[in-house]
Amino acid sequence: MNVTFGKYKVKTDRAQENIDYILVVFAELKKPSPGLHYESFNLEDGLSFVHIAALDDGIEGNPLL
């Protein structure tokens, strides 16, 4: 399994915009994409975010593109 992890912090006035973008990503991820596992977390400060994407072994290409 190939796992990618990203953590970042947004400016105070951009937190809701970022959450809205994340919701769009998850709406797209509802479409079947075998072998892809994706999670996103908003940390306690409300400005920090963590994304984790995992691809099962044998998956060719990047379904996130």
C-alpha atoms as a PDB file:
ATOM      1  CA  MET A   1       0.000   0.000   0.000  1.00  0.00           C
ATOM      2  CA  ASN A   2       1.280   3.447  -0.954  1.00  0.00           C
ATOM      3  CA  VAL A   3       0.324   6.113   1.622  1.00  0.00           C
ATOM      4  CA  THR A   4       0.583   9.884   1.207  1.00  0.00           C
ATOM      5  CA  PHE A   5       0.193  12.236   4.154  1.00  0.00           C
ATOM      6  CA  GLY A   6      -0.191  16.005   4.059  1.00  0.00           C
ATOM      7  CA  LYS A   7      -0.570  18.536   6.855  1.00  0.00           C
ATOM      8  CA  TYR A   8      -1.040  22.268   6.434  1.00  0.00           C
ATOM      9  CA  LYS A   9      -2.470  25.345   8.118  1.00  0.00           C
ATOM     10  CA  VAL A  10      -4.643  27.991   6.456  1.00  0.00           C
ATOM     11  CA  LYS A  11      -5.171  31.629   7.327  1.00  0.00           C
ATOM     12  CA  THR A  12      -8.065  32.359   9.679  1.00  0.00           C
ATOM     13  CA  ASP A  13     -10.229  33.883   6.942  1.00  0.00           C
ATOM     14  CA  ARG A  14      -9.694  30.898   4.601  1.00  0.00           C
ATOM     15  CA  ALA A  15     -10.679  27.981   6.877  1.00  0.00           C
ATOM     16  CA  GLN A  16     -14.291  27.704   5.674  1.00  0.00           C
ATOM     17  CA  GLU A  17     -13.216  28.018   2.035  1.00  0.00           C
ATOM     18  CA  ASN A  18     -10.806  25.125   2.555  1.00  0.00           C
ATOM     19  CA  ILE A  19     -13.512  23.018   4.195  1.00  0.00           C
ATOM     20  CA  ASP A  20     -15.796  23.737   1.219  1.00  0.00           C
ATOM     21  CA  TYR A  21     -13.080  22.515  -1.167  1.00  0.00           C
ATOM     22  CA  ILE A  22     -12.609  19.362   0.902  1.00  0.00           C
ATOM     23  CA  LEU A  23     -16.354  18.667   0.676  1.00  0.00           C
ATOM     24  CA  VAL A  24     -16.140  18.935  -3.124  1.00  0.00           C
ATOM     25  CA  VAL A  25     -13.290  16.422  -3.139  1.00  0.00           C
ATOM     26  CA  PHE A  26     -15.301  13.985  -1.039  1.00  0.00           C
ATOM     27  CA  ALA A  27     -18.310  14.396  -3.343  1.00  0.00           C
ATOM     28  CA  GLU A  28     -16.065  13.373  -6.242  1.00  0.00           C
ATOM     29  CA  LEU A  29     -14.660  10.474  -4.235  1.00  0.00           C
ATOM     30  CA  LYS A  30     -18.161   9.000  -3.901  1.00  0.00           C
ATOM     31  CA  LYS A  31     -17.696   7.830  -7.481  1.00  0.00           C
ATOM     32  CA  PRO A  32     -16.261   4.305  -7.538  1.00  0.00           C
ATOM     33  CA  SER A  33     -12.486   4.291  -7.311  1.00  0.00           C
ATOM     34  CA  PRO A  34     -11.368   0.832  -6.261  1.00  0.00           C
ATOM     35  CA  GLY A  35      -8.180   0.749  -4.269  1.00  0.00           C
ATOM     36  CA  LEU A  36      -8.283   4.368  -3.118  1.00  0.00           C
ATOM     37  CA  HIS A  37      -8.727   5.240   0.557  1.00  0.00           C
ATOM     38  CA  TYR A  38      -8.897   8.931   1.504  1.00  0.00           C
ATOM     39  CA  GLU A  39      -9.465  10.764   4.778  1.00  0.00           C
ATOM     40  CA  SER A  40      -9.292  14.392   5.811  1.00  0.00           C
ATOM     41  CA  PHE A  41      -9.190  15.838   9.308  1.00  0.00           C
ATOM     42  CA  ASN A  42      -9.635  19.357  10.642  1.00  0.00           C
ATOM     43  CA  LEU A  43      -7.530  19.711  13.792  1.00  0.00           C
ATOM     44  CA  GLU A  44      -8.612  21.373  17.048  1.00  0.00           C
ATOM     45  CA  ASP A  45      -7.368  24.850  16.109  1.00  0.00           C
ATOM     46  CA  GLY A  46      -9.791  24.867  13.149  1.00  0.00           C
ATOM     47  CA  LEU A  47      -7.027  26.043  10.836  1.00  0.00           C
ATOM     48  CA  SER A  48      -4.838  22.945  10.543  1.00  0.00           C
ATOM     49  CA  PHE A  49      -5.769  20.099   8.232  1.00  0.00           C
ATOM     50  CA  VAL A  50      -4.445  16.606   7.663  1.00  0.00           C
ATOM     51  CA  HIS A  51      -5.111  14.542   4.545  1.00  0.00           C
ATOM     52  CA  ILE A  52      -4.228  10.881   4.162  1.00  0.00           C
ATOM     53  CA  ALA A  53      -4.512   9.052   0.848  1.00  0.00           C
ATOM     54  CA  ALA A  54      -3.711   5.378   0.453  1.00  0.00           C
ATOM     55  CA  LEU A  55      -3.599   3.304  -2.722  1.00  0.00           C
ATOM     56  CA  ASP A  56      -3.783  -0.453  -2.579  1.00  0.00           C
ATOM     57  CA  ASP A  57      -0.905  -2.363  -4.116  1.00  0.00           C
ATOM     58  CA  GLY A  58      -1.329  -3.003  -7.826  1.00  0.00           C
ATOM     59  CA  ILE A  59      -3.232   0.227  -8.578  1.00  0.00           C
ATOM     60  CA  GLU A  60      -1.855   1.872 -11.695  1.00  0.00           C
ATOM     61  CA  GLY A  61      -1.889   5.631 -12.045  1.00  0.00           C
ATOM     62  CA  ASN A  62      -3.222   8.080  -9.496  1.00  0.00           C
ATOM     63  CA  PRO A  63      -7.031   8.126  -9.194  1.00  0.00           C
ATOM     64  CA  LEU A  64      -6.833  11.447  -7.357  1.00  0.00           C
ATOM     65  CA  LEU A  65      -5.811  13.235 -10.516  1.00  0.00           C
END
